[in-house]
PDB file of all heavy atoms in Angstrom:
ATOM      1  N   VAL A   1      91.504 123.185  94.605  1.00  0.00           N
ATOM      2  CA  VAL A   1      91.938 124.440  94.003  1.00  0.00           C
ATOM      3  C   VAL A   1      91.387 124.546  92.591  1.00  0.00           C
ATOM      4  O   VAL A   1      91.018 123.547  91.971  1.00  0.00           O
ATOM      5  CB  VAL A   1      93.475 124.575  93.962  1.00  0.00           C
ATOM      6  CG1 VAL A   1      94.061 124.575  95.365  1.00  0.00           C
ATOM      7  CG2 VAL A   1      94.083 123.450  93.131  1.00  0.00           C
ATOM      8  N   GLN A   2      91.353 125.765  92.089  1.00  0.00           N
ATOM      9  CA  GLN A   2      90.945 125.993  90.714  1.00  0.00           C
ATOM     10  C   GLN A   2      92.121 125.781  89.769  1.00  0.00           C
ATOM     11  O   GLN A   2      93.281 125.903  90.161  1.00  0.00           O
ATOM     12  CB  GLN A   2      90.400 127.411  90.540  1.00  0.00           C
ATOM     13  CG  GLN A   2      89.098 127.675  91.267  1.00  0.00           C
ATOM     14  CD  GLN A   2      88.573 129.072  91.025  1.00  0.00           C
ATOM     15  OE1 GLN A   2      89.337 130.028  90.912  1.00  0.00           O
ATOM     16  NE2 GLN A   2      87.260 129.197  90.942  1.00  0.00           N
ATOM     17  N   ALA A   3      91.807 125.446  88.533  1.00  0.00           N
ATOM     18  CA  ALA A   3      92.849 125.307  87.530  1.00  0.00           C
ATOM     19  C   ALA A   3      93.697 126.573  87.470  1.00  0.00           C
ATOM     20  O   ALA A   3      93.178 127.686  87.509  1.00  0.00           O
ATOM     21  CB  ALA A   3      92.238 125.016  86.170  1.00  0.00           C
ATOM     22  N   GLY A   4      95.002 126.378  87.393  1.00  0.00           N
ATOM     23  CA  GLY A   4      95.924 127.496  87.395  1.00  0.00           C
ATOM     24  C   GLY A   4      96.442 127.856  88.769  1.00  0.00           C
ATOM     25  O   GLY A   4      97.394 128.643  88.882  1.00  0.00           O
ATOM     26  N   GLY A   5      95.851 127.292  89.794  1.00  0.00           N
ATOM     27  CA  GLY A   5      96.264 127.567  91.156  1.00  0.00           C
ATOM     28  C   GLY A   5      97.456 126.740  91.581  1.00  0.00           C
ATOM     29  O   GLY A   5      98.031 125.974  90.800  1.00  0.00           O
ATOM     30  N   SER A   6      97.812 126.885  92.853  1.00  0.00           N
ATOM     31  CA  SER A   6      98.990 126.214  93.395  1.00  0.00           C
ATOM     32  C   SER A   6      98.687 125.537  94.719  1.00  0.00           C
ATOM     33  O   SER A   6      97.802 125.959  95.469  1.00  0.00           O
ATOM     34  CB  SER A   6     100.129 127.221  93.610  1.00  0.00           C
ATOM     35  OG  SER A   6     100.533 127.824  92.399  1.00  0.00           O
ATOM     36  N   LEU A   7      99.429 124.496  94.997  1.00  0.00           N
ATOM     37  CA  LEU A   7      99.407 123.813  96.279  1.00  0.00           C
ATOM     38  C   LEU A   7     100.827 123.382  96.620  1.00  0.00           C
ATOM     39  O   LEU A   7     101.635 123.144  95.724  1.00  0.00           O
ATOM     40  CB  LEU A   7      98.509 122.575  96.255  1.00  0.00           C
ATOM     41  CG  LEU A   7      96.997 122.760  96.291  1.00  0.00           C
ATOM     42  CD1 LEU A   7      96.315 121.412  96.104  1.00  0.00           C
ATOM     43  CD2 LEU A   7      96.557 123.396  97.601  1.00  0.00           C
ATOM     44  N   ARG A   8     101.096 123.269  97.894  1.00  0.00           N
ATOM     45  CA  ARG A   8     102.378 122.757  98.349  1.00  0.00           C
ATOM     46  C   ARG A   8     102.128 121.571  99.274  1.00  0.00           C
ATOM     47  O   ARG A   8     101.531 121.725 100.338  1.00  0.00           O
ATOM     48  CB  ARG A   8     103.186 123.826  99.083  1.00  0.00           C
ATOM     49  CG  ARG A   8     104.602 123.387  99.484  1.00  0.00           C
ATOM     50  CD  ARG A   8     105.395 124.559 100.041  1.00  0.00           C
ATOM     51  NE  ARG A   8     106.797 124.235 100.280  1.00  0.00           N
ATOM     52  CZ  ARG A   8     107.306 123.911 101.470  1.00  0.00           C
ATOM     53  NH1 ARG A   8     106.515 123.862 102.542  1.00  0.00           N
ATOM     54  NH2 ARG A   8     108.602 123.646 101.577  1.00  0.00           N
ATOM     55  N   LEU A   9     102.574 120.415  98.849  1.00  0.00           N
ATOM     56  CA  LEU A   9     102.431 119.210  99.638  1.00  0.00           C
ATOM     57  C   LEU A   9     103.658 119.000 100.514  1.00  0.00           C
ATOM     58  O   LEU A   9     104.779 119.290 100.108  1.00  0.00           O
ATOM     59  CB  LEU A   9     102.241 117.990  98.737  1.00  0.00           C
ATOM     60  CG  LEU A   9     101.084 118.034  97.731  1.00  0.00           C
ATOM     61  CD1 LEU A   9     101.000 116.703  96.987  1.00  0.00           C
ATOM     62  CD2 LEU A   9      99.768 118.350  98.424  1.00  0.00           C
ATOM     63  N   SER A  10     103.420 118.479 101.699  1.00  0.00           N
ATOM     64  CA  SER A  10     104.500 118.179 102.618  1.00  0.00           C
ATOM     65  C   SER A  10     104.396 116.732 103.065  1.00  0.00           C
ATOM     66  O   SER A  10     103.299 116.180 103.179  1.00  0.00           O
ATOM     67  CB  SER A  10     104.444 119.091 103.847  1.00  0.00           C
ATOM     68  OG  SER A  10     104.570 120.447 103.489  1.00  0.00           O
ATOM     69  N   CYS A  11     105.525 116.142 103.334  1.00  0.00           N
ATOM     70  CA  CYS A  11     105.575 114.784 103.853  1.00  0.00           C
ATOM     71  C   CYS A  11     106.605 114.736 104.962  1.00  0.00           C
ATOM     72  O   CYS A  11     107.785 115.009 104.723  1.00  0.00           O
ATOM     73  CB  CYS A  11     105.927 113.790 102.754  1.00  0.00           C
ATOM     74  SG  CYS A  11     106.147 112.094 103.345  1.00  0.00           S
ATOM     75  N   ALA A  12     106.159 114.397 106.141  1.00  0.00           N
ATOM     76  CA  ALA A  12     107.040 114.277 107.287  1.00  0.00           C
ATOM     77  C   ALA A  12     107.265 112.805 107.593  1.00  0.00           C
ATOM     78  O   ALA A  12     106.309 112.061 107.805  1.00  0.00           O
ATOM     79  CB  ALA A  12     106.440 114.987 108.493  1.00  0.00           C
ATOM     80  N   ALA A  13     108.509 112.413 107.603  1.00  0.00           N
ATOM     81  CA  ALA A  13     108.874 111.033 107.897  1.00  0.00           C
ATOM     82  C   ALA A  13     109.379 110.920 109.324  1.00  0.00           C
ATOM     83  O   ALA A  13     110.127 111.767 109.799  1.00  0.00           O
ATOM     84  CB  ALA A  13     109.941 110.546 106.924  1.00  0.00           C
ATOM     85  N   SER A  14     108.973 109.876 109.983  1.00  0.00           N
ATOM     86  CA  SER A  14     109.420 109.633 111.349  1.00  0.00           C
ATOM     87  C   SER A  14     109.789 108.168 111.525  1.00  0.00           C
ATOM     88  O   SER A  14     109.434 107.322 110.695  1.00  0.00           O
ATOM     89  CB  SER A  14     108.344 110.032 112.362  1.00  0.00           C
ATOM     90  OG  SER A  14     107.172 109.252 112.185  1.00  0.00           O
ATOM     91  N   ARG A  15     110.508 107.908 112.591  1.00  0.00           N
ATOM     92  CA  ARG A  15     110.943 106.558 112.923  1.00  0.00           C
ATOM     93  C   ARG A  15     111.820 105.951 111.834  1.00  0.00           C
ATOM     94  O   ARG A  15     111.809 104.741 111.627  1.00  0.00           O
ATOM     95  CB  ARG A  15     109.745 105.645 113.210  1.00  0.00           C
ATOM     96  CG  ARG A  15     108.932 106.090 114.416  1.00  0.00           C
ATOM     97  CD  ARG A  15     107.659 105.301 114.538  1.00  0.00           C
ATOM     98  NE  ARG A  15     106.857 105.757 115.665  1.00  0.00           N
ATOM     99  CZ  ARG A  15     105.574 105.503 115.825  1.00  0.00           C
ATOM    100  NH1 ARG A  15     104.933 104.780 114.920  1.00  0.00           N
ATOM    101  NH2 ARG A  15     104.936 105.966 116.884  1.00  0.00           N
ATOM    102  N   ILE A  16     112.554 106.815 111.154  1.00  0.00           N
ATOM    103  CA  ILE A  16     113.504 106.345 110.154  1.00  0.00           C
ATOM    104  C   ILE A  16     114.866 106.198 110.815  1.00  0.00           C
ATOM    105  O   ILE A  16     115.461 107.179 111.252  1.00  0.00           O
ATOM    106  CB  ILE A  16     113.583 107.292 108.953  1.00  0.00           C
ATOM    107  CG1 ILE A  16     112.268 107.254 108.176  1.00  0.00           C
ATOM    108  CG2 ILE A  16     114.745 106.914 108.053  1.00  0.00           C
ATOM    109  CD1 ILE A  16     112.254 108.124 106.943  1.00  0.00           C
ATOM    110  N   THR A  17     115.345 104.986 110.864  1.00  0.00           N
ATOM    111  CA  THR A  17     116.624 104.685 111.501  1.00  0.00           C
ATOM    112  C   THR A  17     117.671 104.259 110.484  1.00  0.00           C
ATOM    113  O   THR A  17     118.728 103.759 110.870  1.00  0.00           O
ATOM    114  CB  THR A  17     116.445 103.588 112.557  1.00  0.00           C
ATOM    115  OG1 THR A  17     115.926 102.409 111.949  1.00  0.00           O
ATOM    116  CG2 THR A  17     115.501 104.053 113.650  1.00  0.00           C
ATOM    117  N   PHE A  18     117.400 104.460 109.217  1.00  0.00           N
ATOM    118  CA  PHE A  18     118.300 104.065 108.154  1.00  0.00           C
ATOM    119  C   PHE A  18     118.585 105.248 107.235  1.00  0.00           C
ATOM    120  O   PHE A  18     117.867 106.245 107.245  1.00  0.00           O
ATOM    121  CB  PHE A  18     117.687 102.911 107.339  1.00  0.00           C
ATOM    122  CG  PHE A  18     116.300 103.191 106.841  1.00  0.00           C
ATOM    123  CD1 PHE A  18     116.088 103.947 105.700  1.00  0.00           C
ATOM    124  CD2 PHE A  18     115.198 102.693 107.523  1.00  0.00           C
ATOM    125  CE1 PHE A  18     114.814 104.210 105.235  1.00  0.00           C
ATOM    126  CE2 PHE A  18     113.907 102.950 107.071  1.00  0.00           C
ATOM    127  CZ  PHE A  18     113.715 103.708 105.931  1.00  0.00           C
ATOM    128  N   SER A  19     119.616 105.125 106.440  1.00  0.00           N
ATOM    129  CA  SER A  19     119.896 106.136 105.438  1.00  0.00           C
ATOM    130  C   SER A  19     118.968 105.927 104.247  1.00  0.00           C
ATOM    131  O   SER A  19     118.706 104.792 103.852  1.00  0.00           O
ATOM    132  CB  SER A  19     121.361 106.076 104.994  1.00  0.00           C
ATOM    133  OG  SER A  19     121.659 104.824 104.393  1.00  0.00           O
ATOM    134  N   ILE A  20     118.472 107.023 103.692  1.00  0.00           N
ATOM    135  CA  ILE A  20     117.535 106.919 102.592  1.00  0.00           C
ATOM    136  C   ILE A  20     118.249 107.115 101.263  1.00  0.00           C
ATOM    137  O   ILE A  20     119.242 107.835 101.163  1.00  0.00           O
ATOM    138  CB  ILE A  20     116.372 107.925 102.727  1.00  0.00           C
ATOM    139  CG1 ILE A  20     116.884 109.369 102.633  1.00  0.00           C
ATOM    140  CG2 ILE A  20     115.634 107.706 104.035  1.00  0.00           C
ATOM    141  CD1 ILE A  20     115.768 110.393 102.570  1.00  0.00           C
ATOM    142  N   ASN A  21     117.722 106.451 100.256  1.00  0.00           N
ATOM    143  CA  ASN A  21     118.224 106.623  98.906  1.00  0.00           C
ATOM    144  C   ASN A  21     117.545 107.801  98.222  1.00  0.00           C
ATOM    145  O   ASN A  21     118.198 108.608  97.564  1.00  0.00           O
ATOM    146  CB  ASN A  21     117.999 105.353  98.090  1.00  0.00           C
ATOM    147  CG  ASN A  21     118.606 105.434  96.709  1.00  0.00           C
ATOM    148  OD1 ASN A  21     119.827 105.400  96.559  1.00  0.00           O
ATOM    149  ND2 ASN A  21     117.758 105.530  95.690  1.00  0.00           N
ATOM    150  N   ASP A  22     116.243 107.870  98.392  1.00  0.00           N
ATOM    151  CA  ASP A  22     115.476 108.942  97.779  1.00  0.00           C
ATOM    152  C   ASP A  22     114.099 109.024  98.418  1.00  0.00           C
ATOM    153  O   ASP A  22     113.653 108.099  99.097  1.00  0.00           O
ATOM    154  CB  ASP A  22     115.334 108.730  96.267  1.00  0.00           C
ATOM    155  CG  ASP A  22     114.611 107.441  95.935  1.00  0.00           C
ATOM    156  OD1 ASP A  22     113.360 107.457  95.902  1.00  0.00           O
ATOM    157  OD2 ASP A  22     115.289 106.418  95.712  1.00  0.00           O
ATOM    158  N   MET A  23     113.438 110.139  98.189  1.00  0.00           N
ATOM    159  CA  MET A  23     112.048 110.316  98.571  1.00  0.00           C
ATOM    160  C   MET A  23     111.304 110.870  97.368  1.00  0.00           C
ATOM    161  O   MET A  23     111.898 111.547  96.533  1.00  0.00           O
ATOM    162  CB  MET A  23     111.902 111.252  99.769  1.00  0.00           C
ATOM    163  CG  MET A  23     112.545 110.724 101.042  1.00  0.00           C
ATOM    164  SD  MET A  23     112.227 111.753 102.508  1.00  0.00           S
ATOM    165  CE  MET A  23     110.482 111.357 102.810  1.00  0.00           C
ATOM    166  N   GLY A  24     110.042 110.561  97.302  1.00  0.00           N
ATOM    167  CA  GLY A  24     109.309 111.007  96.140  1.00  0.00           C
ATOM    168  C   GLY A  24     107.823 111.134  96.366  1.00  0.00           C
ATOM    169  O   GLY A  24     107.316 110.873  97.462  1.00  0.00           O
ATOM    170  N   TRP A  25     107.165 111.573  95.309  1.00  0.00           N
ATOM    171  CA  TRP A  25     105.719 111.703  95.291  1.00  0.00           C
ATOM    172  C   TRP A  25     105.153 110.901  94.139  1.00  0.00           C
ATOM    173  O   TRP A  25     105.648 110.980  93.004  1.00  0.00           O
ATOM    174  CB  TRP A  25     105.293 113.168  95.145  1.00  0.00           C
ATOM    175  CG  TRP A  25     105.580 113.993  96.361  1.00  0.00           C
ATOM    176  CD1 TRP A  25     106.677 114.750  96.598  1.00  0.00           C
ATOM    177  CD2 TRP A  25     104.737 114.128  97.503  1.00  0.00           C
ATOM    178  NE1 TRP A  25     106.580 115.358  97.820  1.00  0.00           N
ATOM    179  CE2 TRP A  25     105.396 114.995  98.402  1.00  0.00           C
ATOM    180  CE3 TRP A  25     103.494 113.611  97.867  1.00  0.00           C
ATOM    181  CZ2 TRP A  25     104.853 115.354  99.638  1.00  0.00           C
ATOM    182  CZ3 TRP A  25     102.965 113.966  99.098  1.00  0.00           C
ATOM    183  CH2 TRP A  25     103.638 114.821  99.962  1.00  0.00           C
ATOM    184  N   TYR A  26     104.144 110.136  94.433  1.00  0.00           N
ATOM    185  CA  TYR A  26     103.378 109.401  93.443  1.00  0.00           C
ATOM    186  C   TYR A  26     101.932 109.864  93.523  1.00  0.00           C
ATOM    187  O   TYR A  26     101.518 110.479  94.503  1.00  0.00           O
ATOM    188  CB  TYR A  26     103.450 107.898  93.700  1.00  0.00           C
ATOM    189  CG  TYR A  26     104.798 107.273  93.426  1.00  0.00           C
ATOM    190  CD1 TYR A  26     105.894 107.532  94.248  1.00  0.00           C
ATOM    191  CD2 TYR A  26     104.972 106.416  92.342  1.00  0.00           C
ATOM    192  CE1 TYR A  26     107.126 106.951  93.995  1.00  0.00           C
ATOM    193  CE2 TYR A  26     106.202 105.830  92.086  1.00  0.00           C
ATOM    194  CZ  TYR A  26     107.271 106.105  92.921  1.00  0.00           C
ATOM    195  OH  TYR A  26     108.492 105.517  92.666  1.00  0.00           O
ATOM    196  N   ARG A  27     101.178 109.577  92.489  1.00  0.00           N
ATOM    197  CA  ARG A  27      99.762 109.906  92.527  1.00  0.00           C
ATOM    198  C   ARG A  27      98.950 108.819  91.847  1.00  0.00           C
ATOM    199  O   ARG A  27      99.442 108.096  90.990  1.00  0.00           O
ATOM    200  CB  ARG A  27      99.484 111.262  91.871  1.00  0.00           C
ATOM    201  CG  ARG A  27      99.730 111.311  90.370  1.00  0.00           C
ATOM    202  CD  ARG A  27      99.588 112.740  89.866  1.00  0.00           C
ATOM    203  NE  ARG A  27      99.784 112.837  88.427  1.00  0.00           N
ATOM    204  CZ  ARG A  27      99.857 113.977  87.762  1.00  0.00           C
ATOM    205  NH1 ARG A  27      99.744 115.145  88.417  1.00  0.00           N
ATOM    206  NH2 ARG A  27     100.034 113.982  86.445  1.00  0.00           N
ATOM    207  N   GLN A  28      97.706 108.726  92.255  1.00  0.00           N
ATOM    208  CA  GLN A  28      96.797 107.761  91.673  1.00  0.00           C
ATOM    209  C   GLN A  28      95.435 108.412  91.481  1.00  0.00           C
ATOM    210  O   GLN A  28      94.797 108.820  92.448  1.00  0.00           O
ATOM    211  CB  GLN A  28      96.668 106.519  92.552  1.00  0.00           C
ATOM    212  CG  GLN A  28      95.861 105.404  91.917  1.00  0.00           C
ATOM    213  CD  GLN A  28      96.005 104.084  92.658  1.00  0.00           C
ATOM    214  OE1 GLN A  28      96.381 104.057  93.829  1.00  0.00           O
ATOM    215  NE2 GLN A  28      95.728 102.994  91.978  1.00  0.00           N
ATOM    216  N   ALA A  29      95.034 108.506  90.226  1.00  0.00           N
ATOM    217  CA  ALA A  29      93.732 109.046  89.881  1.00  0.00           C
ATOM    218  C   ALA A  29      92.734 107.904  89.787  1.00  0.00           C
ATOM    219  O   ALA A  29      93.111 106.744  89.596  1.00  0.00           O
ATOM    220  CB  ALA A  29      93.811 109.806  88.561  1.00  0.00           C
ATOM    221  N   PRO A  30      91.439 108.203  89.900  1.00  0.00           N
ATOM    222  CA  PRO A  30      90.426 107.149  89.795  1.00  0.00           C
ATOM    223  C   PRO A  30      90.561 106.365  88.498  1.00  0.00           C
ATOM    224  O   PRO A  30      90.647 106.946  87.413  1.00  0.00           O
ATOM    225  CB  PRO A  30      89.111 107.926  89.847  1.00  0.00           C
ATOM    226  CG  PRO A  30      89.439 109.160  90.617  1.00  0.00           C
ATOM    227  CD  PRO A  30      90.833 109.517  90.193  1.00  0.00           C
ATOM    228  N   GLY A  31      90.584 105.052  88.612  1.00  0.00           N
ATOM    229  CA  GLY A  31      90.687 104.208  87.444  1.00  0.00           C
ATOM    230  C   GLY A  31      92.062 104.129  86.826  1.00  0.00           C
ATOM    231  O   GLY A  31      92.229 103.505  85.768  1.00  0.00           O
TER     232      GLY A  31
END
């Protein structure tokens, strides 16, 4: 996308048989 634009990320979890404490997003840029 161009600067100033928008994106919506989704994360689908499966095979979870436990209660979750939290979910989140992390990122890693080069270097």
